Amino acid sequence: MRTAVLLYLVLAATPALAFWAAAIAVERSGRRPRRARATPVAVGRPLERLVADLRRLEEEYSRISRSGEPHRAKRLRAVGLAYDDTLRDCCRVVGLPEPSTPPLSAVSRLQTEAALAQSGVRW
């Protein structure tokens, strides 16, 4: 019975002692384990994709406004909000101050479009 308990204690303590000994060995060698470097991740979409999205959303807005689809007002609002978000993303990428939170007023939208056009963004 004593040998079984002793064997259990030795087996239970061995992994902890092994890791403790490895940590001391690394510390004494003066080297630290290398950590994987995080690769920088681009945040957001590239400007070319944003411009394509603006063009697509503008065409979609025109198509919906001409159609007689059900729930047209809700669809126009959804496309308008997506357009406003994409305008804000474009401003962020180009380095312009972002307009207020969507939905943008017609004046604010027009001013934002003009500022983007002056900075060279065309869609």
N, C-alpha and C. Protein backbone atom coordinates (compact mmCIF):
# COMPACT_ATOMS: atom_id res chain seq x y z
N MET A 1 0.82 -1.18 0.00
CA MET A 1 0.00 0.00 0.00
C MET A 1 0.87 1.25 0.00
N ARG A 2 1.92 1.21 0.83
CA ARG A 2 2.83 2.37 0.88
C ARG A 2 3.52 2.59 -0.45
N THR A 3 3.91 1.53 -1.12
CA THR A 3 4.59 1.70 -2.40
C THR A 3 3.65 2.28 -3.45
N ALA A 4 2.39 1.94 -3.40
CA ALA A 4 1.42 2.48 -4.35
C ALA A 4 1.24 3.98 -4.13
N VAL A 5 1.16 4.40 -2.87
CA VAL A 5 1.01 5.83 -2.56
C VAL A 5 2.28 6.57 -2.97
N LEU A 6 3.43 6.02 -2.67
CA LEU A 6 4.70 6.64 -3.02
C LEU A 6 4.84 6.74 -4.54
N LEU A 7 4.47 5.68 -5.25
CA LEU A 7 4.52 5.71 -6.71
C LEU A 7 3.58 6.78 -7.26
N TYR A 8 2.38 6.90 -6.70
CA TYR A 8 1.42 7.93 -7.13
C TYR A 8 2.00 9.33 -6.93
N LEU A 9 2.60 9.59 -5.78
CA LEU A 9 3.17 10.92 -5.50
C LEU A 9 4.31 11.24 -6.46
N VAL A 10 5.14 10.27 -6.75
CA VAL A 10 6.25 10.49 -7.68
C VAL A 10 5.71 10.80 -9.08
N LEU A 11 4.74 10.04 -9.53
CA LEU A 11 4.17 10.27 -10.86
C LEU A 11 3.42 11.60 -10.94
N ALA A 12 2.78 11.99 -9.88
CA ALA A 12 2.04 13.26 -9.87
C ALA A 12 2.99 14.46 -9.84
N ALA A 13 4.11 14.34 -9.17
CA ALA A 13 5.03 15.46 -9.01
C ALA A 13 6.03 15.58 -10.15
N THR A 14 6.25 14.54 -10.92
CA THR A 14 7.26 14.54 -11.97
C THR A 14 7.03 15.62 -13.02
N PRO A 15 5.85 15.80 -13.59
CA PRO A 15 5.68 16.86 -14.61
C PRO A 15 5.96 18.25 -14.05
N ALA A 16 5.49 18.53 -12.86
CA ALA A 16 5.73 19.85 -12.27
C ALA A 16 7.21 20.08 -12.04
N LEU A 17 7.92 19.07 -11.55
CA LEU A 17 9.36 19.20 -11.33
C LEU A 17 10.12 19.36 -12.64
N ALA A 18 9.67 18.68 -13.67
CA ALA A 18 10.33 18.79 -14.98
C ALA A 18 10.18 20.21 -15.53
N PHE A 19 9.00 20.80 -15.46
CA PHE A 19 8.80 22.17 -15.94
C PHE A 19 9.56 23.17 -15.08
N TRP A 20 9.61 22.94 -13.79
CA TRP A 20 10.35 23.83 -12.90
C TRP A 20 11.84 23.79 -13.23
N ALA A 21 12.37 22.61 -13.48
CA ALA A 21 13.79 22.47 -13.83
C ALA A 21 14.08 23.12 -15.18
N ALA A 22 13.18 23.00 -16.13
CA ALA A 22 13.37 23.62 -17.44
C ALA A 22 13.35 25.14 -17.33
N ALA A 23 12.48 25.67 -16.51
CA ALA A 23 12.41 27.12 -16.32
C ALA A 23 13.69 27.64 -15.69
N ILE A 24 14.22 26.94 -14.74
CA ILE A 24 15.48 27.35 -14.10
C ILE A 24 16.62 27.28 -15.11
N ALA A 25 16.64 26.25 -15.93
CA ALA A 25 17.71 26.10 -16.92
C ALA A 25 17.67 27.23 -17.93
N VAL A 26 16.47 27.61 -18.39
CA VAL A 26 16.35 28.71 -19.35
C VAL A 26 16.78 30.01 -18.69
N GLU A 27 16.39 30.23 -17.47
CA GLU A 27 16.74 31.45 -16.75
C GLU A 27 18.25 31.56 -16.56
N ARG A 28 18.89 30.49 -16.23
CA ARG A 28 20.34 30.51 -16.00
C ARG A 28 21.12 30.65 -17.30
N SER A 29 20.55 30.18 -18.39
CA SER A 29 21.27 30.29 -19.65
C SER A 29 21.24 31.73 -20.18
N GLY A 30 20.39 32.56 -19.62
CA GLY A 30 20.33 33.97 -20.02
C GLY A 30 19.49 34.22 -21.24
N ARG A 31 18.94 33.21 -21.81
CA ARG A 31 18.09 33.38 -22.98
C ARG A 31 16.64 33.21 -22.58
N ARG A 32 15.83 33.96 -23.22
CA ARG A 32 14.39 33.83 -23.01
C ARG A 32 13.80 33.09 -24.20
N PRO A 33 12.77 32.36 -23.98
CA PRO A 33 12.13 31.69 -25.13
C PRO A 33 11.59 32.74 -26.10
N ARG A 34 11.73 32.47 -27.37
CA ARG A 34 11.26 33.40 -28.39
C ARG A 34 9.75 33.34 -28.48
N ARG A 35 9.19 34.50 -28.63
CA ARG A 35 7.74 34.58 -28.85
C ARG A 35 7.50 34.84 -30.32
N ALA A 36 6.45 34.29 -30.81
CA ALA A 36 6.10 34.52 -32.21
C ALA A 36 5.70 35.98 -32.38
N ARG A 37 6.25 36.61 -33.39
CA ARG A 37 5.91 38.00 -33.65
C ARG A 37 4.59 38.06 -34.41
N ALA A 38 3.78 38.97 -33.98
CA ALA A 38 2.50 39.14 -34.64
C ALA A 38 2.71 39.92 -35.93
N THR A 39 2.18 39.43 -37.01
CA THR A 39 2.29 40.15 -38.26
C THR A 39 1.24 41.24 -38.28
N PRO A 40 1.61 42.43 -38.75
CA PRO A 40 0.62 43.50 -38.78
C PRO A 40 -0.50 43.15 -39.75
N VAL A 41 -1.70 43.43 -39.31
CA VAL A 41 -2.88 43.15 -40.11
C VAL A 41 -3.48 44.46 -40.58
N ALA A 42 -3.73 44.55 -41.85
CA ALA A 42 -4.34 45.76 -42.39
C ALA A 42 -5.78 45.84 -41.90
N VAL A 43 -6.13 46.99 -41.37
CA VAL A 43 -7.47 47.19 -40.85
C VAL A 43 -8.30 47.89 -41.92
N GLY A 44 -9.46 47.35 -42.18
CA GLY A 44 -10.35 47.97 -43.14
C GLY A 44 -10.09 47.50 -44.56
N ARG A 45 -10.88 48.05 -45.45
CA ARG A 45 -10.78 47.68 -46.87
C ARG A 45 -9.88 48.67 -47.59
N PRO A 46 -9.22 48.22 -48.67
CA PRO A 46 -8.39 49.15 -49.44
C PRO A 46 -9.26 50.17 -50.17
N LEU A 47 -8.66 51.28 -50.53
CA LEU A 47 -9.39 52.38 -51.16
C LEU A 47 -10.06 51.94 -52.46
N GLU A 48 -9.39 51.11 -53.25
CA GLU A 48 -9.98 50.67 -54.51
C GLU A 48 -11.29 49.91 -54.28
N ARG A 49 -11.30 49.10 -53.25
CA ARG A 49 -12.52 48.35 -52.93
C ARG A 49 -13.62 49.29 -52.44
N LEU A 50 -13.26 50.28 -51.65
CA LEU A 50 -14.24 51.25 -51.16
C LEU A 50 -14.85 52.04 -52.32
N VAL A 51 -14.03 52.44 -53.28
CA VAL A 51 -14.53 53.18 -54.44
C VAL A 51 -15.48 52.31 -55.25
N ALA A 52 -15.13 51.04 -55.44
CA ALA A 52 -16.02 50.13 -56.15
C ALA A 52 -17.33 49.96 -55.40
N ASP A 53 -17.26 49.89 -54.07
CA ASP A 53 -18.48 49.78 -53.27
C ASP A 53 -19.34 51.03 -53.39
N LEU A 54 -18.71 52.21 -53.40
CA LEU A 54 -19.48 53.45 -53.57
C LEU A 54 -20.21 53.45 -54.91
N ARG A 55 -19.51 53.04 -55.96
CA ARG A 55 -20.11 53.00 -57.28
C ARG A 55 -21.30 52.02 -57.31
N ARG A 56 -21.09 50.85 -56.72
CA ARG A 56 -22.14 49.82 -56.70
C ARG A 56 -23.34 50.29 -55.88
N LEU A 57 -23.10 50.89 -54.72
CA LEU A 57 -24.20 51.35 -53.87
C LEU A 57 -24.97 52.49 -54.52
N GLU A 58 -24.26 53.37 -55.22
CA GLU A 58 -24.93 54.47 -55.92
C GLU A 58 -25.84 53.93 -57.02
N GLU A 59 -25.37 52.94 -57.76
CA GLU A 59 -26.19 52.32 -58.81
C GLU A 59 -27.39 51.58 -58.19
N GLU A 60 -27.16 50.92 -57.09
CA GLU A 60 -28.24 50.19 -56.42
C GLU A 60 -29.31 51.16 -55.91
N TYR A 61 -28.90 52.29 -55.37
CA TYR A 61 -29.83 53.29 -54.89
C TYR A 61 -30.70 53.80 -56.04
N SER A 62 -30.06 54.08 -57.19
CA SER A 62 -30.81 54.55 -58.36
C SER A 62 -31.78 53.49 -58.85
N ARG A 63 -31.35 52.24 -58.87
CA ARG A 63 -32.20 51.16 -59.34
C ARG A 63 -33.42 51.00 -58.44
N ILE A 64 -33.21 51.03 -57.14
CA ILE A 64 -34.32 50.86 -56.20
C ILE A 64 -35.29 52.04 -56.28
N SER A 65 -34.75 53.24 -56.42
CA SER A 65 -35.64 54.42 -56.45
C SER A 65 -36.51 54.43 -57.71
N ARG A 66 -36.04 53.82 -58.81
CA ARG A 66 -36.84 53.75 -60.03
C ARG A 66 -37.82 52.58 -60.03
N SER A 67 -37.58 51.60 -59.19
CA SER A 67 -38.39 50.39 -59.22
C SER A 67 -39.66 50.55 -58.39
N GLY A 68 -40.53 49.59 -58.55
CA GLY A 68 -41.76 49.57 -57.75
C GLY A 68 -41.74 48.43 -56.75
N GLU A 69 -40.56 48.05 -56.29
CA GLU A 69 -40.41 46.92 -55.38
C GLU A 69 -41.12 47.20 -54.06
N PRO A 70 -41.58 46.14 -53.40
CA PRO A 70 -42.17 46.34 -52.08
C PRO A 70 -41.10 46.78 -51.08
N HIS A 71 -41.51 47.52 -50.09
CA HIS A 71 -40.63 48.02 -49.03
C HIS A 71 -39.50 48.87 -49.60
N ARG A 72 -39.84 49.66 -50.59
CA ARG A 72 -38.83 50.47 -51.26
C ARG A 72 -38.16 51.45 -50.32
N ALA A 73 -38.91 52.08 -49.42
CA ALA A 73 -38.34 53.06 -48.50
C ALA A 73 -37.32 52.41 -47.57
N LYS A 74 -37.62 51.21 -47.10
CA LYS A 74 -36.66 50.52 -46.22
C LYS A 74 -35.39 50.14 -46.97
N ARG A 75 -35.55 49.71 -48.21
CA ARG A 75 -34.38 49.34 -49.02
C ARG A 75 -33.52 50.57 -49.31
N LEU A 76 -34.18 51.68 -49.64
CA LEU A 76 -33.43 52.91 -49.90
C LEU A 76 -32.68 53.37 -48.65
N ARG A 77 -33.32 53.25 -47.51
CA ARG A 77 -32.65 53.63 -46.26
C ARG A 77 -31.45 52.74 -45.98
N ALA A 78 -31.58 51.45 -46.21
CA ALA A 78 -30.47 50.52 -45.96
C ALA A 78 -29.30 50.81 -46.89
N VAL A 79 -29.59 51.03 -48.16
CA VAL A 79 -28.52 51.34 -49.12
C VAL A 79 -27.90 52.69 -48.79
N GLY A 80 -28.72 53.65 -48.38
CA GLY A 80 -28.20 54.97 -48.00
C GLY A 80 -27.27 54.89 -46.80
N LEU A 81 -27.62 54.08 -45.80
CA LEU A 81 -26.75 53.91 -44.64
C LEU A 81 -25.44 53.23 -45.01
N ALA A 82 -25.52 52.23 -45.89
CA ALA A 82 -24.30 51.56 -46.36
C ALA A 82 -23.41 52.54 -47.13
N TYR A 83 -24.02 53.39 -47.93
CA TYR A 83 -23.28 54.40 -48.68
C TYR A 83 -22.59 55.38 -47.73
N ASP A 84 -23.32 55.81 -46.69
CA ASP A 84 -22.73 56.73 -45.71
C ASP A 84 -21.56 56.09 -44.98
N ASP A 85 -21.71 54.83 -44.59
CA ASP A 85 -20.61 54.13 -43.93
C ASP A 85 -19.39 54.02 -44.83
N THR A 86 -19.62 53.75 -46.11
CA THR A 86 -18.52 53.63 -47.05
C THR A 86 -17.86 54.98 -47.27
N LEU A 87 -18.64 56.04 -47.31
CA LEU A 87 -18.05 57.39 -47.40
C LEU A 87 -17.15 57.67 -46.20
N ARG A 88 -17.61 57.30 -45.02
CA ARG A 88 -16.80 57.51 -43.81
C ARG A 88 -15.50 56.70 -43.86
N ASP A 89 -15.59 55.45 -44.36
CA ASP A 89 -14.39 54.63 -44.49
C ASP A 89 -13.40 55.25 -45.49
N CYS A 90 -13.93 55.79 -46.58
CA CYS A 90 -13.07 56.45 -47.57
C CYS A 90 -12.36 57.65 -46.94
N CYS A 91 -13.08 58.42 -46.17
CA CYS A 91 -12.47 59.58 -45.49
C CYS A 91 -11.36 59.12 -44.55
N ARG A 92 -11.58 58.04 -43.84
CA ARG A 92 -10.58 57.52 -42.91
C ARG A 92 -9.32 57.09 -43.66
N VAL A 93 -9.51 56.39 -44.80
CA VAL A 93 -8.36 55.90 -45.57
C VAL A 93 -7.57 57.06 -46.18
N VAL A 94 -8.28 58.06 -46.69
CA VAL A 94 -7.62 59.19 -47.35
C VAL A 94 -7.01 60.16 -46.33
N GLY A 95 -7.53 60.15 -45.11
CA GLY A 95 -7.01 61.04 -44.08
C GLY A 95 -7.83 62.30 -43.89
N LEU A 96 -9.04 62.27 -44.37
CA LEU A 96 -9.95 63.41 -44.18
C LEU A 96 -10.73 63.21 -42.88
N PRO A 97 -11.21 64.31 -42.29
CA PRO A 97 -12.05 64.15 -41.10
C PRO A 97 -13.36 63.45 -41.48
N GLU A 98 -13.76 62.52 -40.65
CA GLU A 98 -14.98 61.77 -40.93
C GLU A 98 -16.21 62.62 -40.62
N PRO A 99 -17.25 62.48 -41.45
CA PRO A 99 -18.50 63.20 -41.14
C PRO A 99 -19.17 62.58 -39.93
N SER A 100 -20.26 63.19 -39.52
CA SER A 100 -20.99 62.70 -38.35
C SER A 100 -21.49 61.28 -38.60
N THR A 101 -22.03 60.68 -37.56
CA THR A 101 -22.50 59.31 -37.69
C THR A 101 -23.70 59.23 -38.62
N PRO A 102 -23.83 58.13 -39.35
CA PRO A 102 -24.95 57.97 -40.28
C PRO A 102 -26.27 57.94 -39.54
N PRO A 103 -27.35 58.32 -40.14
CA PRO A 103 -27.47 58.76 -41.52
C PRO A 103 -27.01 60.20 -41.69
N LEU A 104 -26.30 60.43 -42.79
CA LEU A 104 -25.82 61.78 -43.09
C LEU A 104 -26.94 62.60 -43.71
N SER A 105 -26.92 63.87 -43.42
CA SER A 105 -27.87 64.75 -44.09
C SER A 105 -27.42 64.92 -45.54
N ALA A 106 -28.31 65.40 -46.38
CA ALA A 106 -27.97 65.58 -47.79
C ALA A 106 -26.81 66.54 -47.95
N VAL A 107 -26.79 67.59 -47.13
CA VAL A 107 -25.70 68.58 -47.20
C VAL A 107 -24.39 67.96 -46.75
N SER A 108 -24.42 67.24 -45.65
CA SER A 108 -23.20 66.59 -45.14
C SER A 108 -22.68 65.56 -46.13
N ARG A 109 -23.58 64.82 -46.75
CA ARG A 109 -23.17 63.83 -47.75
C ARG A 109 -22.52 64.52 -48.94
N LEU A 110 -23.12 65.59 -49.40
CA LEU A 110 -22.57 66.32 -50.55
C LEU A 110 -21.21 66.93 -50.22
N GLN A 111 -21.06 67.49 -49.02
CA GLN A 111 -19.77 68.05 -48.62
C GLN A 111 -18.70 66.96 -48.53
N THR A 112 -19.07 65.81 -48.02
CA THR A 112 -18.12 64.70 -47.91
C THR A 112 -17.70 64.21 -49.29
N GLU A 113 -18.68 64.07 -50.19
CA GLU A 113 -18.36 63.66 -51.55
C GLU A 113 -17.44 64.67 -52.23
N ALA A 114 -17.69 65.96 -52.01
CA ALA A 114 -16.84 67.00 -52.60
C ALA A 114 -15.42 66.96 -52.03
N ALA A 115 -15.31 66.75 -50.73
CA ALA A 115 -13.98 66.67 -50.11
C ALA A 115 -13.21 65.46 -50.64
N LEU A 116 -13.89 64.34 -50.80
CA LEU A 116 -13.23 63.16 -51.36
C LEU A 116 -12.81 63.40 -52.81
N ALA A 117 -13.66 64.05 -53.57
CA ALA A 117 -13.32 64.36 -54.97
C ALA A 117 -12.13 65.30 -55.05
N GLN A 118 -12.06 66.28 -54.16
CA GLN A 118 -10.91 67.20 -54.14
C GLN A 118 -9.61 66.50 -53.77
N SER A 119 -9.72 65.41 -52.99
CA SER A 119 -8.52 64.68 -52.61
C SER A 119 -8.13 63.63 -53.66
N GLY A 120 -8.91 63.55 -54.75
CA GLY A 120 -8.53 62.67 -55.85
C GLY A 120 -9.30 61.37 -55.93
N VAL A 121 -10.29 61.18 -55.10
CA VAL A 121 -11.08 59.94 -55.13
C VAL A 121 -12.22 60.14 -56.13
N ARG A 122 -12.28 59.25 -57.11
CA ARG A 122 -13.33 59.32 -58.13
C ARG A 122 -14.08 58.01 -58.16
N TRP A 123 -15.42 58.09 -58.32
CA TRP A 123 -16.21 56.87 -58.46
C TRP A 123 -17.34 57.03 -59.41
